[in-house]
Amino acid sequence: MQLALGEKPHYRVLKGKEMRDALLSKIIEETKETQAKKGASISSEIADIQQAIDDLVDQAGLTKEEIAIQQELKNIEKGSFSKGYFVETIDLEENDKWTKYYRTDPDRFPEIKK
């Protein structure tokens, strides 16, 4: 393999969990880069994120149609972020099934009050 400017990279081929982890890391990296961009310049970063997502879908043996179905089901159940709604808190009853779930991960949900 030779790149456009004549560089000769040294590489290895990732597979399985290592490939999955690398794609997830790439999505995080590109997302952080996107946060620093403004205006039209974010299109390149979004393209990188989309490419990594597409590659992750392929690597998982899924289809874009399967992902679209899951996305639609989640949007029906929980809504999407398209209108900008950001849930800051939720009031739950003590016996609600989600109360136990949230309490099992206090690092992820530090706002949970006992």
PDB file of N, CA and C in Angstrom:
ATOM      1  N   MET A   1       0.852  -1.182   0.000  1.00  0.00           N
ATOM      2  CA  MET A   1       0.000   0.000   0.000  1.00  0.00           C
ATOM      3  C   MET A   1       0.888   1.232   0.000  1.00  0.00           C
ATOM      4  N   GLN A   2       0.530   2.196  -0.837  1.00  0.00           N
ATOM      5  CA  GLN A   2       1.237   3.467  -0.869  1.00  0.00           C
ATOM      6  C   GLN A   2       0.189   4.565  -0.870  1.00  0.00           C
ATOM      7  N   LEU A   3       0.422   5.604  -0.102  1.00  0.00           N
ATOM      8  CA  LEU A   3      -0.529   6.700   0.005  1.00  0.00           C
ATOM      9  C   LEU A   3      -0.269   7.745  -1.069  1.00  0.00           C
ATOM     10  N   ALA A   4      -1.185   8.702  -1.192  1.00  0.00           N
ATOM     11  CA  ALA A   4      -1.148   9.709  -2.250  1.00  0.00           C
ATOM     12  C   ALA A   4       0.144  10.516  -2.269  1.00  0.00           C
ATOM     13  N   LEU A   5       0.726  10.780  -1.100  1.00  0.00           N
ATOM     14  CA  LEU A   5       1.947  11.590  -1.049  1.00  0.00           C
ATOM     15  C   LEU A   5       3.206  10.739  -1.081  1.00  0.00           C
ATOM     16  N   GLY A   6       3.053   9.435  -1.336  1.00  0.00           N
ATOM     17  CA  GLY A   6       4.204   8.568  -1.452  1.00  0.00           C
ATOM     18  C   GLY A   6       4.643   7.907  -0.155  1.00  0.00           C
ATOM     19  N   GLU A   7       3.928   8.158   0.941  1.00  0.00           N
ATOM     20  CA  GLU A   7       4.293   7.523   2.194  1.00  0.00           C
ATOM     21  C   GLU A   7       4.027   6.021   2.089  1.00  0.00           C
ATOM     22  N   LYS A   8       4.787   5.248   2.839  1.00  0.00           N
ATOM     23  CA  LYS A   8       4.603   3.799   2.855  1.00  0.00           C
ATOM     24  C   LYS A   8       4.295   3.367   4.285  1.00  0.00           C
ATOM     25  N   PRO A   9       3.010   3.202   4.585  1.00  0.00           N
ATOM     26  CA  PRO A   9       2.643   2.843   5.956  1.00  0.00           C
ATOM     27  C   PRO A   9       2.970   1.378   6.271  1.00  0.00           C
ATOM     28  N   HIS A  10       3.216   1.123   7.529  1.00  0.00           N
ATOM     29  CA  HIS A  10       3.387  -0.234   8.033  1.00  0.00           C
ATOM     30  C   HIS A  10       2.111  -0.535   8.814  1.00  0.00           C
ATOM     31  N   TYR A  11       1.430  -1.607   8.474  1.00  0.00           N
ATOM     32  CA  TYR A  11       0.135  -1.864   9.080  1.00  0.00           C
ATOM     33  C   TYR A  11      -0.081  -3.357   9.301  1.00  0.00           C
ATOM     34  N   ARG A  12      -1.128  -3.642  10.054  1.00  0.00           N
ATOM     35  CA  ARG A  12      -1.595  -5.009  10.237  1.00  0.00           C
ATOM     36  C   ARG A  12      -3.102  -4.995  10.078  1.00  0.00           C
ATOM     37  N   VAL A  13      -3.682  -6.116   9.785  1.00  0.00           N
ATOM     38  CA  VAL A  13      -5.115  -6.212   9.576  1.00  0.00           C
ATOM     39  C   VAL A  13      -5.794  -6.607  10.886  1.00  0.00           C
ATOM     40  N   LEU A  14      -6.757  -5.808  11.294  1.00  0.00           N
ATOM     41  CA  LEU A  14      -7.508  -6.078  12.515  1.00  0.00           C
ATOM     42  C   LEU A  14      -8.716  -6.954  12.197  1.00  0.00           C
ATOM     43  N   LYS A  15      -9.061  -7.805  13.144  1.00  0.00           N
ATOM     44  CA  LYS A  15     -10.231  -8.668  12.980  1.00  0.00           C
ATOM     45  C   LYS A  15     -10.946  -8.800  14.313  1.00  0.00           C
ATOM     46  N   GLY A  16     -12.195  -9.248  14.235  1.00  0.00           N
ATOM     47  CA  GLY A  16     -12.956  -9.578  15.431  1.00  0.00           C
ATOM     48  C   GLY A  16     -13.080  -8.428  16.413  1.00  0.00           C
ATOM     49  N   LYS A  17     -12.881  -8.756  17.692  1.00  0.00           N
ATOM     50  CA  LYS A  17     -13.040  -7.777  18.775  1.00  0.00           C
ATOM     51  C   LYS A  17     -12.074  -6.605  18.617  1.00  0.00           C
ATOM     52  N   GLU A  18     -10.862  -6.885  18.147  1.00  0.00           N
ATOM     53  CA  GLU A  18      -9.879  -5.818  17.968  1.00  0.00           C
ATOM     54  C   GLU A  18     -10.366  -4.812  16.919  1.00  0.00           C
ATOM     55  N   MET A  19     -10.985  -5.315  15.854  1.00  0.00           N
ATOM     56  CA  MET A  19     -11.538  -4.438  14.810  1.00  0.00           C
ATOM     57  C   MET A  19     -12.712  -3.637  15.369  1.00  0.00           C
ATOM     58  N   ARG A  20     -13.597  -4.314  16.103  1.00  0.00           N
ATOM     59  CA  ARG A  20     -14.747  -3.646  16.704  1.00  0.00           C
ATOM     60  C   ARG A  20     -14.290  -2.529  17.639  1.00  0.00           C
ATOM     61  N   ASP A  21     -13.332  -2.826  18.504  1.00  0.00           N
ATOM     62  CA  ASP A  21     -12.826  -1.827  19.443  1.00  0.00           C
ATOM     63  C   ASP A  21     -12.182  -0.654  18.718  1.00  0.00           C
ATOM     64  N   ALA A  22     -11.450  -0.938  17.644  1.00  0.00           N
ATOM     65  CA  ALA A  22     -10.803   0.127  16.871  1.00  0.00           C
ATOM     66  C   ALA A  22     -11.848   1.029  16.207  1.00  0.00           C
ATOM     67  N   LEU A  23     -12.918   0.436  15.694  1.00  0.00           N
ATOM     68  CA  LEU A  23     -13.973   1.238  15.074  1.00  0.00           C
ATOM     69  C   LEU A  23     -14.683   2.106  16.100  1.00  0.00           C
ATOM     70  N   LEU A  24     -14.949   1.543  17.279  1.00  0.00           N
ATOM     71  CA  LEU A  24     -15.581   2.341  18.330  1.00  0.00           C
ATOM     72  C   LEU A  24     -14.668   3.484  18.771  1.00  0.00           C
ATOM     73  N   SER A  25     -13.377   3.220  18.878  1.00  0.00           N
ATOM     74  CA  SER A  25     -12.422   4.282  19.223  1.00  0.00           C
ATOM     75  C   SER A  25     -12.379   5.353  18.144  1.00  0.00           C
ATOM     76  N   LYS A  26     -12.460   4.928  16.877  1.00  0.00           N
ATOM     77  CA  LYS A  26     -12.462   5.875  15.754  1.00  0.00           C
ATOM     78  C   LYS A  26     -13.696   6.773  15.817  1.00  0.00           C
ATOM     79  N   ILE A  27     -14.843   6.197  16.148  1.00  0.00           N
ATOM     80  CA  ILE A  27     -16.070   6.985  16.260  1.00  0.00           C
ATOM     81  C   ILE A  27     -15.922   8.027  17.361  1.00  0.00           C
ATOM     82  N   ILE A  28     -15.358   7.631  18.499  1.00  0.00           N
ATOM     83  CA  ILE A  28     -15.136   8.577  19.605  1.00  0.00           C
ATOM     84  C   ILE A  28     -14.168   9.674  19.180  1.00  0.00           C
ATOM     85  N   GLU A  29     -13.068   9.287  18.554  1.00  0.00           N
ATOM     86  CA  GLU A  29     -12.056  10.263  18.099  1.00  0.00           C
ATOM     87  C   GLU A  29     -12.659  11.274  17.134  1.00  0.00           C
ATOM     88  N   GLU A  30     -13.388  10.781  16.136  1.00  0.00           N
ATOM     89  CA  GLU A  30     -13.973  11.672  15.137  1.00  0.00           C
ATOM     90  C   GLU A  30     -15.069  12.548  15.747  1.00  0.00           C
ATOM     91  N   THR A  31     -15.787  12.016  16.723  1.00  0.00           N
ATOM     92  CA  THR A  31     -16.814  12.809  17.403  1.00  0.00           C
ATOM     93  C   THR A  31     -16.175  13.975  18.141  1.00  0.00           C
ATOM     94  N   LYS A  32     -15.062  13.715  18.814  1.00  0.00           N
ATOM     95  CA  LYS A  32     -14.354  14.796  19.516  1.00  0.00           C
ATOM     96  C   LYS A  32     -13.855  15.847  18.532  1.00  0.00           C
ATOM     97  N   GLU A  33     -13.364  15.402  17.386  1.00  0.00           N
ATOM     98  CA  GLU A  33     -12.907  16.352  16.372  1.00  0.00           C
ATOM     99  C   GLU A  33     -14.080  17.174  15.837  1.00  0.00           C
ATOM    100  N   THR A  34     -15.242  16.549  15.703  1.00  0.00           N
ATOM    101  CA  THR A  34     -16.431  17.246  15.211  1.00  0.00           C
ATOM    102  C   THR A  34     -16.851  18.351  16.167  1.00  0.00           C
ATOM    103  N   GLN A  35     -16.696  18.108  17.473  1.00  0.00           N
ATOM    104  CA  GLN A  35     -17.071  19.126  18.460  1.00  0.00           C
ATOM    105  C   GLN A  35     -16.261  20.405  18.281  1.00  0.00           C
ATOM    106  N   ALA A  36     -15.055  20.294  17.764  1.00  0.00           N
ATOM    107  CA  ALA A  36     -14.193  21.458  17.603  1.00  0.00           C
ATOM    108  C   ALA A  36     -14.442  22.200  16.283  1.00  0.00           C
ATOM    109  N   LYS A  37     -15.209  21.620  15.389  1.00  0.00           N
ATOM    110  CA  LYS A  37     -15.448  22.225  14.074  1.00  0.00           C
ATOM    111  C   LYS A  37     -16.702  23.084  14.077  1.00  0.00           C
ATOM    112  N   LYS A  38     -16.770  23.978  13.103  1.00  0.00           N
ATOM    113  CA  LYS A  38     -17.935  24.835  12.950  1.00  0.00           C
ATOM    114  C   LYS A  38     -18.335  24.887  11.487  1.00  0.00           C
ATOM    115  N   GLY A  39     -19.617  25.153  11.260  1.00  0.00           N
ATOM    116  CA  GLY A  39     -20.114  25.363   9.913  1.00  0.00           C
ATOM    117  C   GLY A  39     -19.894  24.187   8.989  1.00  0.00           C
ATOM    118  N   ALA A  40     -19.564  24.503   7.743  1.00  0.00           N
ATOM    119  CA  ALA A  40     -19.426  23.483   6.712  1.00  0.00           C
ATOM    120  C   ALA A  40     -18.245  22.548   6.964  1.00  0.00           C
ATOM    121  N   SER A  41     -17.294  22.964   7.773  1.00  0.00           N
ATOM    122  CA  SER A  41     -16.109  22.132   7.984  1.00  0.00           C
ATOM    123  C   SER A  41     -16.411  20.860   8.775  1.00  0.00           C
ATOM    124  N   ILE A  42     -17.610  20.777   9.374  1.00  0.00           N
ATOM    125  CA  ILE A  42     -17.918  19.546  10.110  1.00  0.00           C
ATOM    126  C   ILE A  42     -18.331  18.408   9.179  1.00  0.00           C
ATOM    127  N   SER A  43     -18.622  18.701   7.922  1.00  0.00           N
ATOM    128  CA  SER A  43     -19.086  17.650   7.012  1.00  0.00           C
ATOM    129  C   SER A  43     -18.050  16.545   6.839  1.00  0.00           C
ATOM    130  N   SER A  44     -16.786  16.916   6.800  1.00  0.00           N
ATOM    131  CA  SER A  44     -15.723  15.919   6.665  1.00  0.00           C
ATOM    132  C   SER A  44     -15.656  15.009   7.890  1.00  0.00           C
ATOM    133  N   GLU A  45     -15.828  15.605   9.076  1.00  0.00           N
ATOM    134  CA  GLU A  45     -15.792  14.813  10.307  1.00  0.00           C
ATOM    135  C   GLU A  45     -17.019  13.899  10.406  1.00  0.00           C
ATOM    136  N   ILE A  46     -18.176  14.422  10.012  1.00  0.00           N
ATOM    137  CA  ILE A  46     -19.385  13.600  10.014  1.00  0.00           C
ATOM    138  C   ILE A  46     -19.222  12.436   9.036  1.00  0.00           C
ATOM    139  N   ALA A  47     -18.601  12.698   7.890  1.00  0.00           N
ATOM    140  CA  ALA A  47     -18.345  11.625   6.922  1.00  0.00           C
ATOM    141  C   ALA A  47     -17.451  10.545   7.523  1.00  0.00           C
ATOM    142  N   ASP A  48     -16.453  10.955   8.311  1.00  0.00           N
ATOM    143  CA  ASP A  48     -15.576   9.982   8.972  1.00  0.00           C
ATOM    144  C   ASP A  48     -16.347   9.152   9.996  1.00  0.00           C
ATOM    145  N   ILE A  49     -17.222   9.807  10.745  1.00  0.00           N
ATOM    146  CA  ILE A  49     -18.042   9.091  11.729  1.00  0.00           C
ATOM    147  C   ILE A  49     -18.957   8.101  11.009  1.00  0.00           C
ATOM    148  N   GLN A  50     -19.611   8.568   9.939  1.00  0.00           N
ATOM    149  CA  GLN A  50     -20.522   7.697   9.194  1.00  0.00           C
ATOM    150  C   GLN A  50     -19.781   6.508   8.605  1.00  0.00           C
ATOM    151  N   GLN A  51     -18.570   6.734   8.105  1.00  0.00           N
ATOM    152  CA  GLN A  51     -17.786   5.634   7.547  1.00  0.00           C
ATOM    153  C   GLN A  51     -17.465   4.593   8.612  1.00  0.00           C
ATOM    154  N   ALA A  52     -17.062   5.061   9.784  1.00  0.00           N
ATOM    155  CA  ALA A  52     -16.749   4.131  10.876  1.00  0.00           C
ATOM    156  C   ALA A  52     -18.005   3.370  11.312  1.00  0.00           C
ATOM    157  N   ILE A  53     -19.149   4.046  11.337  1.00  0.00           N
ATOM    158  CA  ILE A  53     -20.401   3.372  11.684  1.00  0.00           C
ATOM    159  C   ILE A  53     -20.752   2.334  10.620  1.00  0.00           C
ATOM    160  N   ASP A  54     -20.635   2.709   9.345  1.00  0.00           N
ATOM    161  CA  ASP A  54     -20.910   1.760   8.261  1.00  0.00           C
ATOM    162  C   ASP A  54     -19.993   0.537   8.364  1.00  0.00           C
ATOM    163  N   ASP A  55     -18.719   0.773   8.656  1.00  0.00           N
ATOM    164  CA  ASP A  55     -17.770  -0.330   8.793  1.00  0.00           C
ATOM    165  C   ASP A  55     -18.112  -1.203  10.005  1.00  0.00           C
ATOM    166  N   LEU A  56     -18.563  -0.586  11.092  1.00  0.00           N
ATOM    167  CA  LEU A  56     -18.974  -1.324  12.283  1.00  0.00           C
ATOM    168  C   LEU A  56     -20.199  -2.191  11.989  1.00  0.00           C
ATOM    169  N   VAL A  57     -21.141  -1.656  11.238  1.00  0.00           N
ATOM    170  CA  VAL A  57     -22.329  -2.418  10.833  1.00  0.00           C
ATOM    171  C   VAL A  57     -21.894  -3.642  10.027  1.00  0.00           C
ATOM    172  N   ASP A  58     -21.015  -3.436   9.057  1.00  0.00           N
ATOM    173  CA  ASP A  58     -20.514  -4.548   8.235  1.00  0.00           C
ATOM    174  C   ASP A  58     -19.767  -5.570   9.083  1.00  0.00           C
ATOM    175  N   GLN A  59     -18.905  -5.078   9.961  1.00  0.00           N
ATOM    176  CA  GLN A  59     -18.091  -5.959  10.798  1.00  0.00           C
ATOM    177  C   GLN A  59     -18.959  -6.807  11.711  1.00  0.00           C
ATOM    178  N   ALA A  60     -20.103  -6.267  12.143  1.00  0.00           N
ATOM    179  CA  ALA A  60     -21.019  -6.992  13.014  1.00  0.00           C
ATOM    180  C   ALA A  60     -21.924  -7.946  12.233  1.00  0.00           C
ATOM    181  N   GLY A  61     -21.803  -7.931  10.902  1.00  0.00           N
ATOM    182  CA  GLY A  61     -22.624  -8.812  10.075  1.00  0.00           C
ATOM    183  C   GLY A  61     -24.069  -8.364   9.972  1.00  0.00           C
ATOM    184  N   LEU A  62     -24.288  -7.068  10.141  1.00  0.00           N
ATOM    185  CA  LEU A  62     -25.629  -6.504  10.064  1.00  0.00           C
ATOM    186  C   LEU A  62     -25.818  -5.790   8.735  1.00  0.00           C
ATOM    187  N   THR A  63     -27.043  -5.390   8.470  1.00  0.00           N
ATOM    188  CA  THR A  63     -27.322  -4.590   7.277  1.00  0.00           C
ATOM    189  C   THR A  63     -27.803  -3.211   7.708  1.00  0.00           C
ATOM    190  N   LYS A  64     -27.715  -2.272   6.808  1.00  0.00           N
ATOM    191  CA  LYS A  64     -28.213  -0.928   7.096  1.00  0.00           C
ATOM    192  C   LYS A  64     -29.723  -0.958   7.341  1.00  0.00           C
ATOM    193  N   GLU A  65     -30.404  -1.883   6.674  1.00  0.00           N
ATOM    194  CA  GLU A  65     -31.850  -2.022   6.869  1.00  0.00           C
ATOM    195  C   GLU A  65     -32.155  -2.475   8.299  1.00  0.00           C
ATOM    196  N   GLU A  66     -31.378  -3.431   8.819  1.00  0.00           N
ATOM    197  CA  GLU A  66     -31.580  -3.886  10.194  1.00  0.00           C
ATOM    198  C   GLU A  66     -31.362  -2.742  11.186  1.00  0.00           C
ATOM    199  N   ILE A  67     -30.354  -1.939  10.931  1.00  0.00           N
ATOM    200  CA  ILE A  67     -30.076  -0.800  11.799  1.00  0.00           C
ATOM    201  C   ILE A  67     -31.205   0.216  11.704  1.00  0.00           C
ATOM    202  N   ALA A  68     -31.709   0.459  10.501  1.00  0.00           N
ATOM    203  CA  ALA A  68     -32.817   1.407  10.322  1.00  0.00           C
ATOM    204  C   ALA A  68     -34.063   0.947  11.066  1.00  0.00           C
ATOM    205  N   ILE A  69     -34.330  -0.352  11.063  1.00  0.00           N
ATOM    206  CA  ILE A  69     -35.483  -0.881  11.800  1.00  0.00           C
ATOM    207  C   ILE A  69     -35.293  -0.652  13.295  1.00  0.00           C
ATOM    208  N   GLN A  70     -34.107  -0.960  13.807  1.00  0.00           N
ATOM    209  CA  GLN A  70     -33.845  -0.745  15.230  1.00  0.00           C
ATOM    210  C   GLN A  70     -33.953   0.732  15.601  1.00  0.00           C
ATOM    211  N   GLN A  71     -33.452   1.582  14.711  1.00  0.00           N
ATOM    212  CA  GLN A  71     -33.527   3.026  14.945  1.00  0.00           C
ATOM    213  C   GLN A  71     -34.982   3.473  15.013  1.00  0.00           C
ATOM    214  N   GLU A  72     -35.806   2.979  14.111  1.00  0.00           N
ATOM    215  CA  GLU A  72     -37.219   3.348  14.110  1.00  0.00           C
ATOM    216  C   GLU A  72     -37.908   2.854  15.381  1.00  0.00           C
ATOM    217  N   LEU A  73     -37.624   1.616  15.789  1.00  0.00           N
ATOM    218  CA  LEU A  73     -38.223   1.076  17.004  1.00  0.00           C
ATOM    219  C   LEU A  73     -37.826   1.889  18.232  1.00  0.00           C
ATOM    220  N   LYS A  74     -36.549   2.255  18.318  1.00  0.00           N
ATOM    221  CA  LYS A  74     -36.096   3.068  19.450  1.00  0.00           C
ATOM    222  C   LYS A  74     -36.747   4.443  19.429  1.00  0.00           C
ATOM    223  N   ASN A  75     -36.892   5.027  18.239  1.00  0.00           N
ATOM    224  CA  ASN A  75     -37.528   6.337  18.137  1.00  0.00           C
ATOM    225  C   ASN A  75     -38.981   6.286  18.567  1.00  0.00           C
ATOM    226  N   ILE A  76     -39.664   5.194  18.243  1.00  0.00           N
ATOM    227  CA  ILE A  76     -41.051   5.030  18.669  1.00  0.00           C
ATOM    228  C   ILE A  76     -41.114   4.890  20.185  1.00  0.00           C
ATOM    229  N   GLU A  77     -40.218   4.071  20.732  1.00  0.00           N
ATOM    230  CA  GLU A  77     -40.236   3.793  22.171  1.00  0.00           C
ATOM    231  C   GLU A  77     -39.738   4.966  23.010  1.00  0.00           C
ATOM    232  N   LYS A  78     -38.633   5.584  22.573  1.00  0.00           N
ATOM    233  CA  LYS A  78     -37.989   6.588  23.419  1.00  0.00           C
ATOM    234  C   LYS A  78     -37.888   7.964  22.782  1.00  0.00           C
ATOM    235  N   GLY A  79     -38.226   8.064  21.512  1.00  0.00           N
ATOM    236  CA  GLY A  79     -38.098   9.343  20.822  1.00  0.00           C
ATOM    237  C   GLY A  79     -36.707   9.517  20.250  1.00  0.00           C
ATOM    238  N   SER A  80     -36.536  10.562  19.490  1.00  0.00           N
ATOM    239  CA  SER A  80     -35.231  10.865  18.909  1.00  0.00           C
ATOM    240  C   SER A  80     -34.757  12.210  19.449  1.00  0.00           C
ATOM    241  N   PHE A  81     -33.606  12.607  19.026  1.00  0.00           N
ATOM    242  CA  PHE A  81     -33.044  13.870  19.484  1.00  0.00           C
ATOM    243  C   PHE A  81     -33.290  14.993  18.471  1.00  0.00           C
ATOM    244  N   SER A  82     -34.064  14.695  17.423  1.00  0.00           N
ATOM    245  CA  SER A  82     -34.236  15.648  16.324  1.00  0.00           C
ATOM    246  C   SER A  82     -34.847  16.983  16.739  1.00  0.00           C
ATOM    247  N   LYS A  83     -35.665  16.984  17.790  1.00  0.00           N
ATOM    248  CA  LYS A  83     -36.269  18.235  18.252  1.00  0.00           C
ATOM    249  C   LYS A  83     -35.456  18.891  19.357  1.00  0.00           C
ATOM    250  N   GLY A  84     -34.353  18.251  19.739  1.00  0.00           N
ATOM    251  CA  GLY A  84     -33.472  18.837  20.734  1.00  0.00           C
ATOM    252  C   GLY A  84     -33.888  18.619  22.171  1.00  0.00           C
ATOM    253  N   TYR A  85     -34.872  17.767  22.400  1.00  0.00           N
ATOM    254  CA  TYR A  85     -35.282  17.505  23.781  1.00  0.00           C
ATOM    255  C   TYR A  85     -34.167  16.767  24.515  1.00  0.00           C
ATOM    256  N   PHE A  86     -33.787  17.290  25.663  1.00  0.00           N
ATOM    257  CA  PHE A  86     -32.731  16.693  26.478  1.00  0.00           C
ATOM    258  C   PHE A  86     -33.299  16.436  27.869  1.00  0.00           C
ATOM    259  N   VAL A  87     -33.451  15.178  28.222  1.00  0.00           N
ATOM    260  CA  VAL A  87     -34.025  14.831  29.517  1.00  0.00           C
ATOM    261  C   VAL A  87     -32.977  15.068  30.595  1.00  0.00           C
ATOM    262  N   GLU A  88     -33.283  15.962  31.515  1.00  0.00           N
ATOM    263  CA  GLU A  88     -32.355  16.252  32.608  1.00  0.00           C
ATOM    264  C   GLU A  88     -32.624  15.388  33.825  1.00  0.00           C
ATOM    265  N   THR A  89     -33.882  15.155  34.115  1.00  0.00           N
ATOM    266  CA  THR A  89     -34.230  14.297  35.243  1.00  0.00           C
ATOM    267  C   THR A  89     -35.517  13.539  34.919  1.00  0.00           C
ATOM    268  N   ILE A  90     -35.705  12.453  35.640  1.00  0.00           N
ATOM    269  CA  ILE A  90     -36.931  11.669  35.535  1.00  0.00           C
ATOM    270  C   ILE A  90     -37.357  11.323  36.949  1.00  0.00           C
ATOM    271  N   ASP A  91     -38.613  11.539  37.257  1.00  0.00           N
ATOM    272  CA  ASP A  91     -39.141  11.137  38.557  1.00  0.00           C
ATOM    273  C   ASP A  91     -39.679   9.712  38.428  1.00  0.00           C
ATOM    274  N   LEU A  92     -39.172   8.817  39.274  1.00  0.00           N
ATOM    275  CA  LEU A  92     -39.596   7.425  39.260  1.00  0.00           C
ATOM    276  C   LEU A  92     -40.122   7.018  40.625  1.00  0.00           C
ATOM    277  N   GLU A  93     -41.045   6.125  40.617  1.00  0.00           N
ATOM    278  CA  GLU A  93     -41.525   5.543  41.856  1.00  0.00           C
ATOM    279  C   GLU A  93     -40.486   4.521  42.328  1.00  0.00           C
ATOM    280  N   GLU A  94     -40.441   4.261  43.618  1.00  0.00           N
ATOM    281  CA  GLU A  94     -39.477   3.321  44.174  1.00  0.00           C
ATOM    282  C   GLU A  94     -39.602   1.936  43.550  1.00  0.00           C
ATOM    283  N   ASN A  95     -40.799   1.506  43.214  1.00  0.00           N
ATOM    284  CA  ASN A  95     -40.989   0.168  42.670  1.00  0.00           C
ATOM    285  C   ASN A  95     -40.919   0.109  41.144  1.00  0.00           C
ATOM    286  N   ASP A  96     -40.578   1.198  40.490  1.00  0.00           N
ATOM    287  CA  ASP A  96     -40.439   1.218  39.036  1.00  0.00           C
ATOM    288  C   ASP A  96     -39.251   0.351  38.628  1.00  0.00           C
ATOM    289  N   LYS A  97     -39.387  -0.401  37.528  1.00  0.00           N
ATOM    290  CA  LYS A  97     -38.314  -1.301  37.098  1.00  0.00           C
ATOM    291  C   LYS A  97     -37.014  -0.562  36.779  1.00  0.00           C
ATOM    292  N   TRP A  98     -37.113   0.690  36.385  1.00  0.00           N
ATOM    293  CA  TRP A  98     -35.917   1.443  36.021  1.00  0.00           C
ATOM    294  C   TRP A  98     -35.145   1.948  37.229  1.00  0.00           C
ATOM    295  N   THR A  99     -35.792   2.068  38.376  1.00  0.00           N
ATOM    296  CA  THR A  99     -35.116   2.556  39.575  1.00  0.00           C
ATOM    297  C   THR A  99     -33.933   1.659  39.918  1.00  0.00           C
ATOM    298  N   LYS A 100     -34.166   0.355  39.943  1.00  0.00           N
ATOM    299  CA  LYS A 100     -33.087  -0.600  40.248  1.00  0.00           C
ATOM    300  C   LYS A 100     -31.984  -0.523  39.184  1.00  0.00           C
ATOM    301  N   TYR A 101     -32.383  -0.433  37.924  1.00  0.00           N
ATOM    302  CA  TYR A 101     -31.414  -0.363  36.825  1.00  0.00           C
ATOM    303  C   TYR A 101     -30.478   0.836  36.995  1.00  0.00           C
ATOM    304  N   TYR A 102     -31.036   1.992  37.246  1.00  0.00           N
ATOM    305  CA  TYR A 102     -30.224   3.194  37.402  1.00  0.00           C
ATOM    306  C   TYR A 102     -29.315   3.110  38.625  1.00  0.00           C
ATOM    307  N   ARG A 103     -29.806   2.519  39.679  1.00  0.00           N
ATOM    308  CA  ARG A 103     -29.010   2.419  40.905  1.00  0.00           C
ATOM    309  C   ARG A 103     -27.863   1.425  40.801  1.00  0.00           C
ATOM    310  N   THR A 104     -27.919   0.517  39.840  1.00  0.00           N
ATOM    311  CA  THR A 104     -26.837  -0.460  39.705  1.00  0.00           C
ATOM    312  C   THR A 104     -25.577   0.145  39.087  1.00  0.00           C
ATOM    313  N   ASP A 105     -25.662   1.351  38.554  1.00  0.00           N
ATOM    314  CA  ASP A 105     -24.508   1.972  37.905  1.00  0.00           C
ATOM    315  C   ASP A 105     -24.384   3.440  38.340  1.00  0.00           C
ATOM    316  N   PRO A 106     -23.992   3.669  39.605  1.00  0.00           N
ATOM    317  CA  PRO A 106     -23.938   5.046  40.116  1.00  0.00           C
ATOM    318  C   PRO A 106     -22.888   5.917  39.419  1.00  0.00           C
ATOM    319  N   ASP A 107     -21.867   5.315  38.820  1.00  0.00           N
ATOM    320  CA  ASP A 107     -20.884   6.118  38.091  1.00  0.00           C
ATOM    321  C   ASP A 107     -21.497   6.714  36.828  1.00  0.00           C
ATOM    322  N   ARG A 108     -22.353   5.945  36.184  1.00  0.00           N
ATOM    323  CA  ARG A 108     -23.004   6.419  34.961  1.00  0.00           C
ATOM    324  C   ARG A 108     -24.183   7.342  35.270  1.00  0.00           C
ATOM    325  N   PHE A 109     -24.845   7.097  36.405  1.00  0.00           N
ATOM    326  CA  PHE A 109     -26.028   7.868  36.782  1.00  0.00           C
ATOM    327  C   PHE A 109     -25.828   8.482  38.162  1.00  0.00           C
ATOM    328  N   PRO A 110     -24.882   9.421  38.297  1.00  0.00           N
ATOM    329  CA  PRO A 110     -24.583   9.986  39.625  1.00  0.00           C
ATOM    330  C   PRO A 110     -25.715  10.825  40.197  1.00  0.00           C
ATOM    331  N   GLU A 111     -26.636  11.234  39.352  1.00  0.00           N
ATOM    332  CA  GLU A 111     -27.730  12.082  39.824  1.00  0.00           C
ATOM    333  C   GLU A 111     -28.804  11.286  40.568  1.00  0.00           C
ATOM    334  N   ILE A 112     -28.707   9.965  40.562  1.00  0.00           N
ATOM    335  CA  ILE A 112     -29.699   9.132  41.256  1.00  0.00           C
ATOM    336  C   ILE A 112     -29.571   9.353  42.753  1.00  0.00           C
ATOM    337  N   LYS A 113     -30.688   9.657  43.347  1.00  0.00           N
ATOM    338  CA  LYS A 113     -30.711   9.874  44.792  1.00  0.00           C
ATOM    339  C   LYS A 113     -31.322   8.652  45.443  1.00  0.00           C
ATOM    340  N   LYS A 114     -30.696   8.181  46.475  1.00  0.00           N
ATOM    341  CA  LYS A 114     -31.179   6.980  47.172  1.00  0.00           C
ATOM    342  C   LYS A 114     -32.361   7.302  48.030  1.00  0.00           C
TER     343      LYS A 114
END
